[in-house]
């Protein structure tokens, strides 16, 4: 289950997620929970016979949501399923500017077991460039407080800011690990078209890192996390043993998921070779009042399921499970790719091909 909280205290200039800035005093805490519960009830049939494996509250900034209301939504979601796994993973995304130790404790008491904290950088100059509301000291303090209250904590870290050096990124990684955090999502800064950074870049007013700088920083992160003994288990994710995000692994393995909230996306299988994906209305105000939620929908057939399995699986260290892909698609992923496999063998990529197939 993915639950989207669509509001932030400020829209970051690089962000193209479906979020809106809103003053904290104006957040409709109870009304948004009520709307989520209405949608949950409307999706009751979709949940029948399914087992709950993970819940992820994303955004936006779910740490702006009153813990009592988030907890009410969490309790209703768990009650909607007949069964759930013993080690249910419940994650909430947070920002250092809106997460206090008290709120972390309240979230833990509500059933949350994992926090994902948007640190982004531990350099005040980089944080200012990224439009963040916190400084480096607040970021470190938040990580330490979160680790003290929560069993599992992840940090988001960005690289590729103009002028960022290998040494600066290495120091950020070391300082984050020193807080006790055991999972980091490390993302390259990308310039998205429909963002403030996108507009500045088109106008020639935004300096960006070169491809060589990006590559150097990526390799530096790889080396530093390896020194910590962490696994680079997905393109942008590093974890100590056992700390991988089970929710995100479920996506990368092509698992079924339900999205609740404004702009949330869901994708459910309906037997081999067929799945339905939908997206809710991204407008939070309409979501609060309307009964018709879905604005986009598509049907996935065997070929779409196979292509997505290849694309998502190749992001991970574990790669693609062909047997599982065939079970979900109702069709072997080898069919129609014989020539590509032959060509790869001729190019002496046989070791890679034999490992895959």
Protein backbone atom coordinates (compact mmCIF):
# COMPACT_ATOMS: atom_id res chain seq x y z
CA UNK A 1 0.00 0.00 0.00
CA UNK A 2 1.23 3.46 -0.92
CA UNK A 3 -0.42 6.50 0.69
CA UNK A 4 0.32 9.88 -0.86
CA UNK A 5 0.31 13.01 1.28
CA UNK A 6 0.27 15.81 -1.30
CA UNK A 7 1.39 18.85 0.70
CA UNK A 8 4.74 20.41 1.61
CA UNK A 9 5.66 23.51 3.55
CA UNK A 10 7.57 24.64 0.44
CA UNK A 11 7.96 23.28 -3.08
CA UNK A 12 11.62 22.48 -3.74
CA UNK A 13 12.94 23.93 -7.02
CA UNK A 14 14.04 20.50 -8.35
CA UNK A 15 10.86 18.60 -7.43
CA UNK A 16 8.38 17.42 -10.06
CA UNK A 17 6.30 15.23 -7.73
CA UNK A 18 2.56 15.78 -7.41
CA UNK A 19 2.77 18.09 -4.41
CA UNK A 20 1.56 21.54 -3.43
CA UNK A 21 2.93 24.03 -0.89
CA UNK A 22 0.50 24.81 1.91
CA UNK A 23 0.81 26.63 5.23
CA UNK A 24 0.96 24.16 8.09
CA UNK A 25 -1.96 25.89 9.84
CA UNK A 26 -4.15 25.22 6.77
CA UNK A 27 -3.50 21.48 6.44
CA UNK A 28 -6.78 19.48 6.47
CA UNK A 29 -5.49 16.71 8.74
CA UNK A 30 -8.78 15.03 9.67
CA UNK A 31 -10.50 15.71 6.33
CA UNK A 32 -7.67 14.08 4.39
CA UNK A 33 -7.77 10.98 6.59
CA UNK A 34 -11.55 10.83 6.10
CA UNK A 35 -11.08 10.99 2.32
CA UNK A 36 -8.48 8.22 2.42
CA UNK A 37 -10.83 6.01 4.40
CA UNK A 38 -13.59 6.60 1.85
CA UNK A 39 -11.25 5.53 -0.92
CA UNK A 40 -10.09 2.53 1.10
CA UNK A 41 -13.70 1.41 1.52
CA UNK A 42 -14.32 1.87 -2.22
CA UNK A 43 -11.35 -0.39 -2.97
CA UNK A 44 -12.43 -3.19 -0.63
CA UNK A 45 -12.99 -5.63 -3.50
CA UNK A 46 -9.45 -5.01 -4.78
CA UNK A 47 -8.02 -6.18 -1.46
CA UNK A 48 -9.89 -9.46 -1.14
CA UNK A 49 -7.61 -12.48 -1.03
CA UNK A 50 -4.47 -10.37 -0.86
CA UNK A 51 -1.90 -10.29 1.94
CA UNK A 52 -0.53 -6.97 3.20
CA UNK A 53 3.28 -6.83 2.95
CA UNK A 54 4.22 -3.16 3.39
CA UNK A 55 2.80 0.33 3.80
CA UNK A 56 4.58 3.47 2.65
CA UNK A 57 3.43 7.02 3.45
CA UNK A 58 5.07 9.27 0.85
CA UNK A 59 4.68 12.75 -0.46
CA UNK A 60 4.89 15.55 -0.15
CA UNK A 61 5.81 15.66 3.50
CA UNK A 62 3.86 13.14 5.61
CA UNK A 63 5.71 14.32 8.72
CA UNK A 64 3.50 17.45 8.51
CA UNK A 65 0.44 15.22 9.07
CA UNK A 66 -0.69 14.92 12.66
CA UNK A 67 0.54 11.53 13.94
CA UNK A 68 -2.91 10.74 15.32
CA UNK A 69 -4.49 11.14 11.88
CA UNK A 70 -1.75 9.21 10.10
CA UNK A 71 -2.18 6.53 12.75
CA UNK A 72 -5.93 6.43 12.10
CA UNK A 73 -5.27 5.83 8.41
CA UNK A 74 -2.68 3.16 9.21
CA UNK A 75 -5.04 1.28 11.54
CA UNK A 76 -7.84 1.30 8.94
CA UNK A 77 -5.53 -0.02 6.22
CA UNK A 78 -4.37 -2.92 8.36
CA UNK A 79 -7.96 -3.72 9.33
CA UNK A 80 -8.95 -3.86 5.64
CA UNK A 81 -6.84 -6.97 5.03
CA UNK A 82 -7.60 -10.48 6.24
CA UNK A 83 -3.90 -11.30 6.54
CA UNK A 84 -0.56 -9.52 6.74
CA UNK A 85 3.04 -10.66 6.93
CA UNK A 86 4.60 -11.07 10.35
CA UNK A 87 7.29 -8.47 9.64
CA UNK A 88 5.03 -5.80 8.13
CA UNK A 89 7.13 -2.82 7.04
CA UNK A 90 5.54 0.60 7.67
CA UNK A 91 7.53 3.59 6.41
CA UNK A 92 6.87 7.32 6.67
CA UNK A 93 8.77 9.94 4.67
CA UNK A 94 9.90 12.90 6.75
CA UNK A 95 11.77 16.18 6.45
CA UNK A 96 14.16 17.41 9.15
CA UNK A 97 12.26 20.69 9.29
CA UNK A 98 9.03 18.97 10.37
CA UNK A 99 10.09 15.89 12.33
CA UNK A 100 10.57 16.17 16.07
CA UNK A 101 11.59 13.41 18.44
CA UNK A 102 8.16 13.63 20.03
CA UNK A 103 6.45 13.05 16.66
CA UNK A 104 8.81 10.18 15.88
CA UNK A 105 7.79 8.55 19.17
CA UNK A 106 4.09 9.07 18.39
CA UNK A 107 4.55 7.52 14.94
CA UNK A 108 6.28 4.51 16.51
CA UNK A 109 3.40 4.11 18.96
CA UNK A 110 0.95 4.23 16.03
CA UNK A 111 2.70 1.26 14.38
CA UNK A 112 5.33 2.91 12.16
CA UNK A 113 8.64 1.04 12.15
CA UNK A 114 10.71 2.88 9.57
CA UNK A 115 11.39 6.54 8.76
CA UNK A 116 12.81 7.85 5.48
CA UNK A 117 14.31 11.29 6.06
CA UNK A 118 15.00 13.80 3.27
CA UNK A 119 18.41 15.05 4.35
CA UNK A 120 19.70 15.68 0.77
CA UNK A 121 22.96 17.25 1.95
CA UNK A 122 24.97 18.13 5.04
CA UNK A 123 26.36 21.33 3.52
CA UNK A 124 24.45 24.52 4.23
CA UNK A 125 25.41 25.99 0.85
CA UNK A 126 24.03 22.96 -0.98
CA UNK A 127 20.86 22.93 1.13
CA UNK A 128 20.26 26.59 0.31
CA UNK A 129 20.77 25.88 -3.40
CA UNK A 130 18.24 23.02 -3.18
CA UNK A 131 15.69 25.24 -1.43
CA UNK A 132 15.54 23.10 1.70
CA UNK A 133 14.10 24.46 4.95
CA UNK A 134 16.65 22.84 7.27
CA UNK A 135 20.37 23.31 7.80
CA UNK A 136 23.08 20.68 8.28
CA UNK A 137 22.93 20.78 12.10
CA UNK A 138 19.17 20.20 12.07
CA UNK A 139 19.60 17.31 9.64
CA UNK A 140 22.14 15.53 11.85
CA UNK A 141 20.07 16.16 14.99
CA UNK A 142 16.95 14.77 13.29
CA UNK A 143 18.76 11.61 12.20
CA UNK A 144 20.05 11.00 15.73
CA UNK A 145 16.62 11.60 17.27
CA UNK A 146 14.97 9.33 14.71
CA UNK A 147 17.46 6.52 15.35
CA UNK A 148 16.82 6.84 19.08
CA UNK A 149 13.07 6.38 18.58
CA UNK A 150 12.71 4.10 15.55
CA UNK A 151 14.07 0.65 14.76
CA UNK A 152 14.87 1.48 11.14
CA UNK A 153 15.87 4.81 9.59
CA UNK A 154 16.82 5.71 6.03
CA UNK A 155 18.28 8.97 4.73
CA UNK A 156 17.93 10.54 1.29
CA UNK A 157 21.13 12.06 -0.08
CA UNK A 158 21.60 14.02 -3.32
CA UNK A 159 24.76 14.51 -5.34
CA UNK A 160 25.66 16.53 -8.41
CA UNK A 161 25.15 20.02 -7.04
CA UNK A 162 27.33 22.61 -8.82
CA UNK A 163 30.82 22.62 -7.39
CA UNK A 164 30.28 19.60 -5.13
CA UNK A 165 33.54 17.73 -4.55
CA UNK A 166 34.23 14.06 -3.92
CA UNK A 167 35.52 14.96 -0.46
CA UNK A 168 32.28 16.75 0.44
CA UNK A 169 30.14 13.77 -0.59
CA UNK A 170 32.43 11.35 1.23
CA UNK A 171 32.14 13.42 4.41
CA UNK A 172 28.33 13.55 4.09
CA UNK A 173 28.16 9.75 3.78
CA UNK A 174 30.45 9.24 6.79
CA UNK A 175 28.48 11.67 8.97
CA UNK A 176 25.15 10.05 8.06
CA UNK A 177 26.48 6.57 8.83
CA UNK A 178 27.88 7.86 12.13
CA UNK A 179 24.33 8.69 13.34
CA UNK A 180 23.36 5.00 13.21
CA UNK A 181 21.40 5.22 9.94
CA UNK A 182 21.79 1.96 8.00
CA UNK A 183 20.11 2.74 4.69
CA UNK A 184 20.72 5.59 2.24
CA UNK A 185 18.96 6.47 -1.01
CA UNK A 186 21.57 8.43 -2.98
CA UNK A 187 20.18 10.27 -5.99
CA UNK A 188 21.84 12.35 -8.67
CA UNK A 189 20.32 15.81 -8.99
CA UNK A 190 18.34 15.81 -12.24
CA UNK A 191 16.79 18.81 -13.94
CA UNK A 192 13.11 18.10 -14.60
CA UNK A 193 11.29 20.13 -17.24
CA UNK A 194 8.31 21.30 -15.18
CA UNK A 195 10.25 22.65 -12.22
CA UNK A 196 11.83 25.95 -11.24
CA UNK A 197 15.25 24.46 -11.97
CA UNK A 198 13.94 23.35 -15.36
CA UNK A 199 12.89 26.90 -16.23
CA UNK A 200 16.21 28.36 -15.04
CA UNK A 201 18.16 25.77 -17.00
CA UNK A 202 16.29 26.50 -20.22
CA UNK A 203 17.05 30.17 -19.73
CA UNK A 204 20.73 29.44 -19.24
CA UNK A 205 20.62 30.68 -15.65
CA UNK A 206 21.37 27.42 -13.80
CA UNK A 207 24.82 25.92 -13.53
CA UNK A 208 24.80 22.12 -13.44
CA UNK A 209 27.45 19.50 -12.81
CA UNK A 210 29.16 17.93 -15.80
CA UNK A 211 28.64 14.28 -16.72
CA UNK A 212 32.21 13.63 -15.57
CA UNK A 213 31.42 15.12 -12.15
CA UNK A 214 28.27 13.01 -11.86
CA UNK A 215 30.21 9.87 -12.74
CA UNK A 216 32.98 10.67 -10.28
CA UNK A 217 30.52 11.30 -7.44
CA UNK A 218 28.56 8.12 -8.24
CA UNK A 219 31.74 6.02 -8.14
CA UNK A 220 32.81 7.76 -4.93
CA UNK A 221 29.49 6.86 -3.27
CA UNK A 222 29.84 3.27 -4.43
CA UNK A 223 33.30 3.01 -2.86
CA UNK A 224 32.39 4.68 0.43
CA UNK A 225 29.30 2.55 1.03
CA UNK A 226 31.32 -0.55 0.16
CA UNK A 227 33.86 0.51 2.82
CA UNK A 228 30.97 0.53 5.30
CA UNK A 229 30.08 -3.03 4.28
CA UNK A 230 26.78 -1.93 2.77
CA UNK A 231 25.30 -3.45 -0.37
CA UNK A 232 24.54 -1.36 -3.45
CA UNK A 233 21.33 -3.33 -3.94
CA UNK A 234 19.60 -0.95 -6.38
CA UNK A 235 20.87 1.82 -8.64
CA UNK A 236 20.17 4.55 -6.06
CA UNK A 237 20.03 2.55 -2.83
CA UNK A 238 22.59 1.26 -0.35
CA UNK A 239 21.91 -0.75 2.80
CA UNK A 240 23.56 -2.58 5.64
CA UNK A 241 22.66 -6.25 5.81
CA UNK A 242 18.91 -6.74 6.32
CA UNK A 243 18.10 -3.02 6.00
CA UNK A 244 16.90 -3.01 2.38
CA UNK A 245 13.55 -1.31 1.76
CA UNK A 246 11.14 -4.23 1.40
CA UNK A 247 8.49 -1.87 0.02
CA UNK A 248 10.69 -0.70 -2.84
CA UNK A 249 11.99 -4.21 -3.53
CA UNK A 250 8.36 -5.23 -4.01
CA UNK A 251 8.01 -2.58 -6.75
CA UNK A 252 11.23 -3.65 -8.48
CA UNK A 253 10.08 -7.27 -8.44
CA UNK A 254 6.82 -6.31 -10.14
CA UNK A 255 4.57 -6.90 -7.14
CA UNK A 256 0.98 -5.68 -6.88
CA UNK A 257 0.27 -2.47 -5.00
CA UNK A 258 -2.63 -0.16 -4.16
CA UNK A 259 -2.27 3.60 -3.99
CA UNK A 260 -4.44 5.81 -1.79
CA UNK A 261 -4.62 9.59 -1.87
CA UNK A 262 -4.41 12.42 -4.37
CA UNK A 263 -2.15 11.48 -7.33
CA UNK A 264 -1.53 8.00 -5.90
CA UNK A 265 -0.86 5.19 -8.37
CA UNK A 266 -1.88 1.56 -8.00
CA UNK A 267 -1.26 -1.55 -10.09
CA UNK A 268 -3.00 -4.88 -9.49
CA UNK A 269 -2.64 -8.17 -11.31
CA UNK A 270 -5.73 -10.05 -12.47
CA UNK A 271 -4.29 -13.42 -13.33
CA UNK A 272 -1.30 -14.22 -15.60
CA UNK A 273 -0.81 -11.77 -18.42
CA UNK A 274 -3.13 -9.02 -17.25
CA UNK A 275 -2.79 -6.13 -14.82
CA UNK A 276 -4.55 -2.80 -14.32
CA UNK A 277 -2.77 0.41 -13.41
CA UNK A 278 -4.50 3.63 -12.39
CA UNK A 279 -3.73 7.11 -11.10
CA UNK A 280 -5.92 9.17 -8.81
CA UNK A 281 -6.86 12.79 -9.43
CA UNK A 282 -3.74 14.81 -8.50
CA UNK A 283 -5.72 17.81 -7.25
CA UNK A 284 -5.91 17.56 -3.43
CA UNK A 285 -9.00 19.77 -3.14
CA UNK A 286 -10.98 17.65 -5.59
CA UNK A 287 -9.75 14.47 -3.89
CA UNK A 288 -11.18 15.67 -0.58
CA UNK A 289 -14.70 15.99 -1.96
CA UNK A 290 -15.28 13.80 -5.00
CA UNK A 291 -16.33 10.18 -5.26
CA UNK A 292 -14.86 9.56 -8.74
CA UNK A 293 -11.15 9.25 -8.03
CA UNK A 294 -9.34 7.82 -11.05
CA UNK A 295 -8.19 10.15 -13.82
CA UNK A 296 -5.91 7.74 -15.72
CA UNK A 297 -6.06 3.99 -16.24
CA UNK A 298 -4.34 1.43 -18.45
CA UNK A 299 -4.35 -2.32 -18.98
CA UNK A 300 -1.03 -4.16 -19.07
CA UNK A 301 -0.77 -7.28 -21.24
CA UNK A 302 1.95 -9.96 -21.33
CA UNK A 303 4.44 -7.88 -23.36
CA UNK A 304 4.06 -4.79 -21.14
CA UNK A 305 4.53 -6.91 -18.02
CA UNK A 306 7.69 -8.49 -19.45
CA UNK A 307 9.19 -5.16 -20.56
CA UNK A 308 8.58 -3.61 -17.15
CA UNK A 309 10.02 -6.66 -15.41
CA UNK A 310 13.23 -6.37 -17.44
CA UNK A 311 13.47 -2.62 -16.88
CA UNK A 312 12.84 -2.78 -13.13
CA UNK A 313 14.85 -5.94 -12.48
CA UNK A 314 17.95 -4.57 -14.16
CA UNK A 315 17.95 -1.73 -11.61
CA UNK A 316 18.73 -4.23 -8.86
CA UNK A 317 21.71 -6.33 -7.85
CA UNK A 318 19.54 -9.46 -7.88
CA UNK A 319 18.48 -8.93 -11.49
CA UNK A 320 15.49 -10.58 -13.13
CA UNK A 321 13.77 -13.78 -12.07
CA UNK A 322 12.68 -15.23 -15.42
CA UNK A 323 10.45 -17.86 -13.84
CA UNK A 324 8.58 -15.25 -11.82
CA UNK A 325 8.29 -12.97 -14.84
CA UNK A 326 6.83 -15.82 -16.90
CA UNK A 327 4.36 -16.63 -14.12
CA UNK A 328 3.12 -13.04 -13.97
CA UNK A 329 3.11 -12.46 -17.74
CA UNK A 330 1.71 -15.83 -18.77
CA UNK A 331 4.45 -15.87 -21.43
CA UNK A 332 8.16 -16.65 -21.49
CA UNK A 333 10.32 -13.50 -21.60
CA UNK A 334 12.70 -15.39 -23.92
CA UNK A 335 10.15 -15.52 -26.73
CA UNK A 336 10.84 -12.89 -29.38
CA UNK A 337 14.31 -12.13 -27.99
CA UNK A 338 16.20 -15.02 -29.58
CA UNK A 339 18.06 -12.78 -32.06
CA UNK A 340 19.19 -10.37 -29.33
CA UNK A 341 20.53 -13.27 -27.25
CA UNK A 342 22.36 -14.67 -30.28
CA UNK A 343 23.90 -11.29 -31.05
CA UNK A 344 25.06 -10.91 -27.46
CA UNK A 345 26.72 -14.33 -27.61
CA UNK A 346 28.46 -13.41 -30.86
CA UNK A 347 29.77 -10.25 -29.21
CA UNK A 348 31.31 -12.46 -26.51
CA UNK A 349 28.91 -11.26 -23.82
CA UNK A 350 28.18 -14.92 -23.14
CA UNK A 351 29.00 -14.68 -19.44
CA UNK A 352 26.40 -11.97 -18.93
CA UNK A 353 23.83 -13.70 -21.13
CA UNK A 354 24.28 -17.09 -19.48
CA UNK A 355 23.90 -15.50 -16.05
CA UNK A 356 20.64 -13.84 -17.16
CA UNK A 357 19.13 -16.70 -19.12
